[in-house]
Amino acid sequence: MSKNRLQQETSPYLMQHANNPVEWWLWGEQALTEARNLDKPIYYSACLWCHVMAHESFEDEATAAVMNQDYINIKVGREERPDLDKIYQSAHHRLNQHAGGNS
């Protein structure tokens, strides 16, 4: 059974992922502590257009199992935390020399 933590969220973006088999965390100290304690990297997802990812990956049981095993999966609403999105989009751009997501 999934430990998806988006069940009680009010953001339309977060609510659309509330029933994914991915064990989504909200951004915060609890998720970051869990990542440190389990020595797992963070999988950060905030893109508003990732309905494609939702259908191809986040709703797929096998993909979710890998994500849950290997990552602490954090879902962030860009409209609620544009500061975090800016940091991750900036890092992506520097590493890949092109914009990522919806920026």
PDB file of N, CA and C in Angstrom:
ATOM      1  N   MET A   1       0.837  -1.191   0.000  1.00  0.00           N
ATOM      2  CA  MET A   1       0.000   0.000   0.000  1.00  0.00           C
ATOM      3  C   MET A   1       0.874   1.245   0.000  1.00  0.00           C
ATOM      4  N   SER A   2       0.512   2.197  -0.819  1.00  0.00           N
ATOM      5  CA  SER A   2       1.278   3.420  -0.956  1.00  0.00           C
ATOM      6  C   SER A   2       1.125   4.311   0.270  1.00  0.00           C
ATOM      7  N   LYS A   3       2.193   5.044   0.552  1.00  0.00           N
ATOM      8  CA  LYS A   3       2.180   6.027   1.632  1.00  0.00           C
ATOM      9  C   LYS A   3       2.127   7.426   1.026  1.00  0.00           C
ATOM     10  N   ASN A   4       1.321   7.597   0.010  1.00  0.00           N
ATOM     11  CA  ASN A   4       1.196   8.884  -0.652  1.00  0.00           C
ATOM     12  C   ASN A   4       0.662   9.902   0.351  1.00  0.00           C
ATOM     13  N   ARG A   5       1.421  10.963   0.546  1.00  0.00           N
ATOM     14  CA  ARG A   5       1.097  11.960   1.566  1.00  0.00           C
ATOM     15  C   ARG A   5       0.342  13.173   1.016  1.00  0.00           C
ATOM     16  N   LEU A   6      -0.213  13.049  -0.175  1.00  0.00           N
ATOM     17  CA  LEU A   6      -0.917  14.173  -0.789  1.00  0.00           C
ATOM     18  C   LEU A   6      -2.427  14.100  -0.599  1.00  0.00           C
ATOM     19  N   GLN A   7      -2.893  13.116   0.144  1.00  0.00           N
ATOM     20  CA  GLN A   7      -4.327  12.869   0.296  1.00  0.00           C
ATOM     21  C   GLN A   7      -5.101  14.062   0.866  1.00  0.00           C
ATOM     22  N   GLN A   8      -4.503  14.831   1.730  1.00  0.00           N
ATOM     23  CA  GLN A   8      -5.211  15.926   2.399  1.00  0.00           C
ATOM     24  C   GLN A   8      -4.890  17.302   1.834  1.00  0.00           C
ATOM     25  N   GLU A   9      -4.176  17.350   0.729  1.00  0.00           N
ATOM     26  CA  GLU A   9      -3.775  18.644   0.164  1.00  0.00           C
ATOM     27  C   GLU A   9      -4.945  19.325  -0.546  1.00  0.00           C
ATOM     28  N   THR A  10      -4.869  20.636  -0.645  1.00  0.00           N
ATOM     29  CA  THR A  10      -5.935  21.404  -1.294  1.00  0.00           C
ATOM     30  C   THR A  10      -5.511  21.956  -2.649  1.00  0.00           C
ATOM     31  N   SER A  11      -4.233  21.946  -2.942  1.00  0.00           N
ATOM     32  CA  SER A  11      -3.750  22.414  -4.236  1.00  0.00           C
ATOM     33  C   SER A  11      -4.266  21.490  -5.337  1.00  0.00           C
ATOM     34  N   PRO A  12      -4.906  22.046  -6.361  1.00  0.00           N
ATOM     35  CA  PRO A  12      -5.379  21.199  -7.470  1.00  0.00           C
ATOM     36  C   PRO A  12      -4.252  20.378  -8.090  1.00  0.00           C
ATOM     37  N   TYR A  13      -3.069  20.965  -8.200  1.00  0.00           N
ATOM     38  CA  TYR A  13      -1.918  20.248  -8.764  1.00  0.00           C
ATOM     39  C   TYR A  13      -1.540  19.050  -7.901  1.00  0.00           C
ATOM     40  N   LEU A  14      -1.438  19.249  -6.597  1.00  0.00           N
ATOM     41  CA  LEU A  14      -1.062  18.149  -5.711  1.00  0.00           C
ATOM     42  C   LEU A  14      -2.166  17.105  -5.626  1.00  0.00           C
ATOM     43  N   MET A  15      -3.406  17.547  -5.626  1.00  0.00           N
ATOM     44  CA  MET A  15      -4.536  16.616  -5.531  1.00  0.00           C
ATOM     45  C   MET A  15      -4.594  15.661  -6.721  1.00  0.00           C
ATOM     46  N   GLN A  16      -4.149  16.110  -7.889  1.00  0.00           N
ATOM     47  CA  GLN A  16      -4.215  15.220  -9.040  1.00  0.00           C
ATOM     48  C   GLN A  16      -3.222  14.068  -8.940  1.00  0.00           C
ATOM     49  N   HIS A  17      -2.313  14.121  -7.979  1.00  0.00           N
ATOM     50  CA  HIS A  17      -1.343  13.049  -7.765  1.00  0.00           C
ATOM     51  C   HIS A  17      -1.588  12.288  -6.455  1.00  0.00           C
ATOM     52  N   ALA A  18      -2.665  12.596  -5.779  1.00  0.00           N
ATOM     53  CA  ALA A  18      -2.948  12.021  -4.462  1.00  0.00           C
ATOM     54  C   ALA A  18      -3.194  10.520  -4.488  1.00  0.00           C
ATOM     55  N   ASN A  19      -3.577   9.972  -5.621  1.00  0.00           N
ATOM     56  CA  ASN A  19      -3.840   8.541  -5.691  1.00  0.00           C
ATOM     57  C   ASN A  19      -2.783   7.772  -6.476  1.00  0.00           C
ATOM     58  N   ASN A  20      -1.681   8.432  -6.798  1.00  0.00           N
ATOM     59  CA  ASN A  20      -0.579   7.732  -7.457  1.00  0.00           C
ATOM     60  C   ASN A  20      -0.006   6.679  -6.522  1.00  0.00           C
ATOM     61  N   PRO A  21       0.519   5.580  -7.055  1.00  0.00           N
ATOM     62  CA  PRO A  21       1.204   4.613  -6.211  1.00  0.00           C
ATOM     63  C   PRO A  21       2.580   5.097  -5.745  1.00  0.00           C
ATOM     64  N   VAL A  22       3.034   6.226  -6.276  1.00  0.00           N
ATOM     65  CA  VAL A  22       4.290   6.824  -5.821  1.00  0.00           C
ATOM     66  C   VAL A  22       4.089   7.341  -4.407  1.00  0.00           C
ATOM     67  N   GLU A  23       5.054   7.098  -3.558  1.00  0.00           N
ATOM     68  CA  GLU A  23       4.987   7.571  -2.164  1.00  0.00           C
ATOM     69  C   GLU A  23       5.446   9.025  -2.108  1.00  0.00           C
ATOM     70  N   TRP A  24       4.567   9.919  -2.504  1.00  0.00           N
ATOM     71  CA  TRP A  24       4.900  11.340  -2.531  1.00  0.00           C
ATOM     72  C   TRP A  24       5.006  11.906  -1.130  1.00  0.00           C
ATOM     73  N   TRP A  25       5.988  12.761  -0.938  1.00  0.00           N
ATOM     74  CA  TRP A  25       6.164  13.568   0.260  1.00  0.00           C
ATOM     75  C   TRP A  25       5.930  15.014  -0.140  1.00  0.00           C
ATOM     76  N   LEU A  26       5.588  15.840   0.807  1.00  0.00           N
ATOM     77  CA  LEU A  26       5.579  17.284   0.612  1.00  0.00           C
ATOM     78  C   LEU A  26       6.967  17.806   0.937  1.00  0.00           C
ATOM     79  N   TRP A  27       7.331  18.930   0.338  1.00  0.00           N
ATOM     80  CA  TRP A  27       8.615  19.537   0.658  1.00  0.00           C
ATOM     81  C   TRP A  27       8.608  19.940   2.128  1.00  0.00           C
ATOM     82  N   GLY A  28       9.650  19.592   2.835  1.00  0.00           N
ATOM     83  CA  GLY A  28       9.759  19.995   4.229  1.00  0.00           C
ATOM     84  C   GLY A  28      10.812  19.177   4.946  1.00  0.00           C
ATOM     85  N   GLU A  29      11.035  19.537   6.178  1.00  0.00           N
ATOM     86  CA  GLU A  29      12.091  18.904   6.967  1.00  0.00           C
ATOM     87  C   GLU A  29      11.878  17.406   7.118  1.00  0.00           C
ATOM     88  N   GLN A  30      10.633  16.964   7.230  1.00  0.00           N
ATOM     89  CA  GLN A  30      10.366  15.538   7.394  1.00  0.00           C
ATOM     90  C   GLN A  30      10.874  14.741   6.185  1.00  0.00           C
ATOM     91  N   ALA A  31      10.602  15.212   4.990  1.00  0.00           N
ATOM     92  CA  ALA A  31      11.068  14.526   3.781  1.00  0.00           C
ATOM     93  C   ALA A  31      12.584  14.574   3.671  1.00  0.00           C
ATOM     94  N   LEU A  32      13.171  15.721   3.970  1.00  0.00           N
ATOM     95  CA  LEU A  32      14.621  15.850   3.877  1.00  0.00           C
ATOM     96  C   LEU A  32      15.328  14.985   4.917  1.00  0.00           C
ATOM     97  N   THR A  33      14.760  14.901   6.115  1.00  0.00           N
ATOM     98  CA  THR A  33      15.319  14.035   7.153  1.00  0.00           C
ATOM     99  C   THR A  33      15.237  12.570   6.727  1.00  0.00           C
ATOM    100  N   GLU A  34      14.110  12.188   6.142  1.00  0.00           N
ATOM    101  CA  GLU A  34      13.942  10.815   5.662  1.00  0.00           C
ATOM    102  C   GLU A  34      14.984  10.486   4.592  1.00  0.00           C
ATOM    103  N   ALA A  35      15.233  11.414   3.698  1.00  0.00           N
ATOM    104  CA  ALA A  35      16.244  11.208   2.656  1.00  0.00           C
ATOM    105  C   ALA A  35      17.627  11.021   3.270  1.00  0.00           C
ATOM    106  N   ARG A  36      17.948  11.850   4.257  1.00  0.00           N
ATOM    107  CA  ARG A  36      19.248  11.710   4.926  1.00  0.00           C
ATOM    108  C   ARG A  36      19.336  10.396   5.682  1.00  0.00           C
ATOM    109  N   ASN A  37      18.292  10.064   6.439  1.00  0.00           N
ATOM    110  CA  ASN A  37      18.307   8.846   7.253  1.00  0.00           C
ATOM    111  C   ASN A  37      18.421   7.581   6.405  1.00  0.00           C
ATOM    112  N   LEU A  38      17.779   7.577   5.248  1.00  0.00           N
ATOM    113  CA  LEU A  38      17.804   6.400   4.375  1.00  0.00           C
ATOM    114  C   LEU A  38      18.892   6.483   3.312  1.00  0.00           C
ATOM    115  N   ASP A  39      19.631   7.589   3.312  1.00  0.00           N
ATOM    116  CA  ASP A  39      20.691   7.818   2.330  1.00  0.00           C
ATOM    117  C   ASP A  39      20.171   7.643   0.909  1.00  0.00           C
ATOM    118  N   LYS A  40      19.030   8.288   0.649  1.00  0.00           N
ATOM    119  CA  LYS A  40      18.410   8.241  -0.673  1.00  0.00           C
ATOM    120  C   LYS A  40      18.395   9.631  -1.277  1.00  0.00           C
ATOM    121  N   PRO A  41      18.583   9.716  -2.588  1.00  0.00           N
ATOM    122  CA  PRO A  41      18.439  11.024  -3.240  1.00  0.00           C
ATOM    123  C   PRO A  41      16.967  11.415  -3.303  1.00  0.00           C
ATOM    124  N   ILE A  42      16.754  12.684  -3.560  1.00  0.00           N
ATOM    125  CA  ILE A  42      15.411  13.223  -3.710  1.00  0.00           C
ATOM    126  C   ILE A  42      15.024  13.179  -5.181  1.00  0.00           C
ATOM    127  N   TYR A  43      13.814  12.750  -5.455  1.00  0.00           N
ATOM    128  CA  TYR A  43      13.223  12.941  -6.775  1.00  0.00           C
ATOM    129  C   TYR A  43      12.233  14.077  -6.594  1.00  0.00           C
ATOM    130  N   TYR A  44      12.517  15.200  -7.223  1.00  0.00           N
ATOM    131  CA  TYR A  44      11.721  16.415  -7.077  1.00  0.00           C
ATOM    132  C   TYR A  44      10.839  16.575  -8.300  1.00  0.00           C
ATOM    133  N   SER A  45       9.558  16.793  -8.105  1.00  0.00           N
ATOM    134  CA  SER A  45       8.641  16.982  -9.219  1.00  0.00           C
ATOM    135  C   SER A  45       7.723  18.154  -8.923  1.00  0.00           C
ATOM    136  N   ALA A  46       7.712  19.125  -9.844  1.00  0.00           N
ATOM    137  CA  ALA A  46       6.877  20.308  -9.640  1.00  0.00           C
ATOM    138  C   ALA A  46       6.235  20.809 -10.912  1.00  0.00           C
ATOM    139  N   CYS A  47       6.473  20.155 -12.019  1.00  0.00           N
ATOM    140  CA  CYS A  47       6.015  20.728 -13.286  1.00  0.00           C
ATOM    141  C   CYS A  47       4.506  20.611 -13.450  1.00  0.00           C
ATOM    142  N   LEU A  48       3.925  21.678 -13.901  1.00  0.00           N
ATOM    143  CA  LEU A  48       2.483  21.727 -14.089  1.00  0.00           C
ATOM    144  C   LEU A  48       2.034  20.930 -15.299  1.00  0.00           C
ATOM    145  N   TRP A  49       2.925  20.644 -16.225  1.00  0.00           N
ATOM    146  CA  TRP A  49       2.561  19.896 -17.417  1.00  0.00           C
ATOM    147  C   TRP A  49       2.858  18.413 -17.278  1.00  0.00           C
ATOM    148  N   CYS A  50       3.190  17.938 -16.105  1.00  0.00           N
ATOM    149  CA  CYS A  50       3.622  16.543 -15.999  1.00  0.00           C
ATOM    150  C   CYS A  50       2.454  15.566 -15.943  1.00  0.00           C
ATOM    151  N   HIS A  51       1.311  15.942 -16.501  1.00  0.00           N
ATOM    152  CA  HIS A  51       0.229  14.976 -16.652  1.00  0.00           C
ATOM    153  C   HIS A  51       0.689  13.820 -17.539  1.00  0.00           C
ATOM    154  N   VAL A  52       1.622  14.092 -18.457  1.00  0.00           N
ATOM    155  CA  VAL A  52       2.185  13.019 -19.279  1.00  0.00           C
ATOM    156  C   VAL A  52       2.973  12.071 -18.381  1.00  0.00           C
ATOM    157  N   MET A  53       3.826  12.627 -17.532  1.00  0.00           N
ATOM    158  CA  MET A  53       4.586  11.791 -16.583  1.00  0.00           C
ATOM    159  C   MET A  53       3.645  11.040 -15.656  1.00  0.00           C
ATOM    160  N   ALA A  54       2.577  11.685 -15.249  1.00  0.00           N
ATOM    161  CA  ALA A  54       1.627  11.024 -14.351  1.00  0.00           C
ATOM    162  C   ALA A  54       1.075   9.766 -14.993  1.00  0.00           C
ATOM    163  N   HIS A  55       0.649   9.872 -16.230  1.00  0.00           N
ATOM    164  CA  HIS A  55       0.053   8.716 -16.899  1.00  0.00           C
ATOM    165  C   HIS A  55       1.093   7.667 -17.282  1.00  0.00           C
ATOM    166  N   GLU A  56       2.276   8.113 -17.712  1.00  0.00           N
ATOM    167  CA  GLU A  56       3.284   7.165 -18.169  1.00  0.00           C
ATOM    168  C   GLU A  56       4.113   6.585 -17.034  1.00  0.00           C
ATOM    169  N   SER A  57       4.247   7.304 -15.939  1.00  0.00           N
ATOM    170  CA  SER A  57       5.149   6.859 -14.875  1.00  0.00           C
ATOM    171  C   SER A  57       4.511   6.826 -13.499  1.00  0.00           C
ATOM    172  N   PHE A  58       3.951   7.953 -13.058  1.00  0.00           N
ATOM    173  CA  PHE A  58       3.484   8.054 -11.679  1.00  0.00           C
ATOM    174  C   PHE A  58       2.299   7.146 -11.375  1.00  0.00           C
ATOM    175  N   GLU A  59       1.527   6.764 -12.391  1.00  0.00           N
ATOM    176  CA  GLU A  59       0.385   5.875 -12.185  1.00  0.00           C
ATOM    177  C   GLU A  59       0.740   4.411 -12.424  1.00  0.00           C
ATOM    178  N   ASP A  60       1.951   4.162 -12.896  1.00  0.00           N
ATOM    179  CA  ASP A  60       2.398   2.810 -13.204  1.00  0.00           C
ATOM    180  C   ASP A  60       2.981   2.152 -11.955  1.00  0.00           C
ATOM    181  N   GLU A  61       2.412   1.027 -11.567  1.00  0.00           N
ATOM    182  CA  GLU A  61       2.831   0.342 -10.332  1.00  0.00           C
ATOM    183  C   GLU A  61       4.318  -0.040 -10.354  1.00  0.00           C
ATOM    184  N   ALA A  62       4.809  -0.557 -11.480  1.00  0.00           N
ATOM    185  CA  ALA A  62       6.204  -0.992 -11.558  1.00  0.00           C
ATOM    186  C   ALA A  62       7.162   0.189 -11.454  1.00  0.00           C
ATOM    187  N   THR A  63       6.828   1.270 -12.149  1.00  0.00           N
ATOM    188  CA  THR A  63       7.668   2.473 -12.072  1.00  0.00           C
ATOM    189  C   THR A  63       7.636   3.052 -10.668  1.00  0.00           C
ATOM    190  N   ALA A  64       6.447   3.113 -10.079  1.00  0.00           N
ATOM    191  CA  ALA A  64       6.313   3.636  -8.716  1.00  0.00           C
ATOM    192  C   ALA A  64       7.129   2.794  -7.736  1.00  0.00           C
ATOM    193  N   ALA A  65       7.150   1.481  -7.918  1.00  0.00           N
ATOM    194  CA  ALA A  65       7.921   0.614  -7.016  1.00  0.00           C
ATOM    195  C   ALA A  65       9.405   0.966  -7.056  1.00  0.00           C
ATOM    196  N   VAL A  66       9.934   1.229  -8.246  1.00  0.00           N
ATOM    197  CA  VAL A  66      11.341   1.618  -8.368  1.00  0.00           C
ATOM    198  C   VAL A  66      11.568   2.978  -7.730  1.00  0.00           C
ATOM    199  N   MET A  67      10.676   3.924  -8.028  1.00  0.00           N
ATOM    200  CA  MET A  67      10.810   5.255  -7.442  1.00  0.00           C
ATOM    201  C   MET A  67      10.763   5.186  -5.920  1.00  0.00           C
ATOM    202  N   ASN A  68       9.835   4.407  -5.381  1.00  0.00           N
ATOM    203  CA  ASN A  68       9.684   4.294  -3.928  1.00  0.00           C
ATOM    204  C   ASN A  68      10.880   3.621  -3.282  1.00  0.00           C
ATOM    205  N   GLN A  69      11.468   2.679  -3.991  1.00  0.00           N
ATOM    206  CA  GLN A  69      12.630   1.964  -3.449  1.00  0.00           C
ATOM    207  C   GLN A  69      13.878   2.837  -3.447  1.00  0.00           C
ATOM    208  N   ASP A  70      14.069   3.608  -4.510  1.00  0.00           N
ATOM    209  CA  ASP A  70      15.346   4.291  -4.715  1.00  0.00           C
ATOM    210  C   ASP A  70      15.367   5.773  -4.367  1.00  0.00           C
ATOM    211  N   TYR A  71      14.198   6.388  -4.158  1.00  0.00           N
ATOM    212  CA  TYR A  71      14.144   7.836  -3.947  1.00  0.00           C
ATOM    213  C   TYR A  71      13.179   8.206  -2.830  1.00  0.00           C
ATOM    214  N   ILE A  72      13.375   9.407  -2.307  1.00  0.00           N
ATOM    215  CA  ILE A  72      12.353  10.094  -1.533  1.00  0.00           C
ATOM    216  C   ILE A  72      11.707  11.040  -2.535  1.00  0.00           C
ATOM    217  N   ASN A  73      10.469  10.773  -2.880  1.00  0.00           N
ATOM    218  CA  ASN A  73       9.768  11.478  -3.954  1.00  0.00           C
ATOM    219  C   ASN A  73       9.019  12.682  -3.388  1.00  0.00           C
ATOM    220  N   ILE A  74       9.424  13.859  -3.802  1.00  0.00           N
ATOM    221  CA  ILE A  74       8.834  15.088  -3.275  1.00  0.00           C
ATOM    222  C   ILE A  74       8.063  15.792  -4.380  1.00  0.00           C
ATOM    223  N   LYS A  75       6.815  16.069  -4.107  1.00  0.00           N
ATOM    224  CA  LYS A  75       5.940  16.765  -5.055  1.00  0.00           C
ATOM    225  C   LYS A  75       5.705  18.171  -4.502  1.00  0.00           C
ATOM    226  N   VAL A  76       5.951  19.167  -5.333  1.00  0.00           N
ATOM    227  CA  VAL A  76       5.814  20.563  -4.930  1.00  0.00           C
ATOM    228  C   VAL A  76       4.929  21.284  -5.938  1.00  0.00           C
ATOM    229  N   GLY A  77       3.975  22.031  -5.447  1.00  0.00           N
ATOM    230  CA  GLY A  77       3.177  22.886  -6.316  1.00  0.00           C
ATOM    231  C   GLY A  77       3.952  24.156  -6.622  1.00  0.00           C
ATOM    232  N   ARG A  78       4.261  24.361  -7.889  1.00  0.00           N
ATOM    233  CA  ARG A  78       5.032  25.550  -8.287  1.00  0.00           C
ATOM    234  C   ARG A  78       4.342  26.839  -7.863  1.00  0.00           C
ATOM    235  N   GLU A  79       3.014  26.833  -7.916  1.00  0.00           N
ATOM    236  CA  GLU A  79       2.284  28.043  -7.552  1.00  0.00           C
ATOM    237  C   GLU A  79       2.387  28.336  -6.064  1.00  0.00           C
ATOM    238  N   GLU A  80       2.632  27.302  -5.266  1.00  0.00           N
ATOM    239  CA  GLU A  80       2.759  27.481  -3.821  1.00  0.00           C
ATOM    240  C   GLU A  80       4.201  27.728  -3.385  1.00  0.00           C
ATOM    241  N   ARG A  81       5.167  27.184  -4.129  1.00  0.00           N
ATOM    242  CA  ARG A  81       6.577  27.323  -3.760  1.00  0.00           C
ATOM    243  C   ARG A  81       7.429  27.676  -4.977  1.00  0.00           C
ATOM    244  N   PRO A  82       7.192  28.865  -5.567  1.00  0.00           N
ATOM    245  CA  PRO A  82       7.999  29.249  -6.730  1.00  0.00           C
ATOM    246  C   PRO A  82       9.480  29.392  -6.387  1.00  0.00           C
ATOM    247  N   ASP A  83       9.795  29.645  -5.114  1.00  0.00           N
ATOM    248  CA  ASP A  83      11.189  29.756  -4.701  1.00  0.00           C
ATOM    249  C   ASP A  83      11.930  28.432  -4.897  1.00  0.00           C
ATOM    250  N   LEU A  84      11.310  27.326  -4.525  1.00  0.00           N
ATOM    251  CA  LEU A  84      11.939  26.015  -4.708  1.00  0.00           C
ATOM    252  C   LEU A  84      12.054  25.667  -6.177  1.00  0.00           C
ATOM    253  N   ASP A  85      11.003  25.941  -6.919  1.00  0.00           N
ATOM    254  CA  ASP A  85      11.027  25.629  -8.340  1.00  0.00           C
ATOM    255  C   ASP A  85      12.143  26.401  -9.036  1.00  0.00           C
ATOM    256  N   LYS A  86      12.338  27.634  -8.656  1.00  0.00           N
ATOM    257  CA  LYS A  86      13.393  28.447  -9.270  1.00  0.00           C
ATOM    258  C   LYS A  86      14.767  27.837  -9.010  1.00  0.00           C
ATOM    259  N   ILE A  87      14.996  27.355  -7.808  1.00  0.00           N
ATOM    260  CA  ILE A  87      16.282  26.730  -7.469  1.00  0.00           C
ATOM    261  C   ILE A  87      16.509  25.485  -8.333  1.00  0.00           C
ATOM    262  N   TYR A  88      15.515  24.600  -8.391  1.00  0.00           N
ATOM    263  CA  TYR A  88      15.674  23.362  -9.155  1.00  0.00           C
ATOM    264  C   TYR A  88      15.744  23.623 -10.659  1.00  0.00           C
ATOM    265  N   GLN A  89      14.957  24.555 -11.167  1.00  0.00           N
ATOM    266  CA  GLN A  89      15.021  24.872 -12.590  1.00  0.00           C
ATOM    267  C   GLN A  89      16.370  25.495 -12.943  1.00  0.00           C
ATOM    268  N   SER A  90      16.900  26.320 -12.062  1.00  0.00           N
ATOM    269  CA  SER A  90      18.211  26.931 -12.294  1.00  0.00           C
ATOM    270  C   SER A  90      19.305  25.855 -12.319  1.00  0.00           C
ATOM    271  N   ALA A  91      19.251  24.919 -11.386  1.00  0.00           N
ATOM    272  CA  ALA A  91      20.238  23.833 -11.360  1.00  0.00           C
ATOM    273  C   ALA A  91      20.131  22.979 -12.616  1.00  0.00           C
ATOM    274  N   HIS A  92      18.912  22.665 -13.019  1.00  0.00           N
ATOM    275  CA  HIS A  92      18.717  21.876 -14.237  1.00  0.00           C
ATOM    276  C   HIS A  92      19.313  22.594 -15.438  1.00  0.00           C
ATOM    277  N   HIS A  93      19.047  23.881 -15.536  1.00  0.00           N
ATOM    278  CA  HIS A  93      19.564  24.656 -16.662  1.00  0.00           C
ATOM    279  C   HIS A  93      21.086  24.654 -16.677  1.00  0.00           C
ATOM    280  N   ARG A  94      21.698  24.822 -15.523  1.00  0.00           N
ATOM    281  CA  ARG A  94      23.165  24.844 -15.461  1.00  0.00           C
ATOM    282  C   ARG A  94      23.759  23.482 -15.836  1.00  0.00           C
ATOM    283  N   LEU A  95      23.118  22.410 -15.403  1.00  0.00           N
ATOM    284  CA  LEU A  95      23.634  21.076 -15.683  1.00  0.00           C
ATOM    285  C   LEU A  95      23.394  20.635 -17.127  1.00  0.00           C
ATOM    286  N   ASN A  96      22.280  21.056 -17.704  1.00  0.00           N
ATOM    287  CA  ASN A  96      21.892  20.557 -19.023  1.00  0.00           C
ATOM    288  C   ASN A  96      21.951  21.592 -20.135  1.00  0.00           C
ATOM    289  N   GLN A  97      22.237  22.826 -19.783  1.00  0.00           N
ATOM    290  CA  GLN A  97      22.332  23.923 -20.748  1.00  0.00           C
ATOM    291  C   GLN A  97      21.045  24.179 -21.521  1.00  0.00           C
ATOM    292  N   HIS A  98      19.921  23.814 -20.929  1.00  0.00           N
ATOM    293  CA  HIS A  98      18.616  24.181 -21.494  1.00  0.00           C
ATOM    294  C   HIS A  98      17.590  24.136 -20.374  1.00  0.00           C
ATOM    295  N   ALA A  99      16.495  24.827 -20.606  1.00  0.00           N
ATOM    296  CA  ALA A  99      15.448  24.905 -19.596  1.00  0.00           C
ATOM    297  C   ALA A  99      14.777  23.558 -19.421  1.00  0.00           C
ATOM    298  N   GLY A 100      14.259  23.324 -18.230  1.00  0.00           N
ATOM    299  CA  GLY A 100      13.517  22.114 -17.948  1.00  0.00           C
ATOM    300  C   GLY A 100      12.116  22.454 -17.540  1.00  0.00           C
ATOM    301  N   GLY A 101      11.248  21.480 -17.573  1.00  0.00           N
ATOM    302  CA  GLY A 101       9.883  21.693 -17.117  1.00  0.00           C
ATOM    303  C   GLY A 101       9.173  22.725 -17.952  1.00  0.00           C
ATOM    304  N   ASN A 102       8.495  23.605 -17.267  1.00  0.00           N
ATOM    305  CA  ASN A 102       7.620  24.574 -17.912  1.00  0.00           C
ATOM    306  C   ASN A 102       8.209  25.977 -17.862  1.00  0.00           C
ATOM    307  N   SER A 103       9.515  26.065 -17.717  1.00  0.00           N
ATOM    308  CA  SER A 103      10.123  27.401 -17.600  1.00  0.00           C
ATOM    309  C   SER A 103      10.660  27.891 -18.920  1.00  0.00           C
TER     310      SER A 103
END
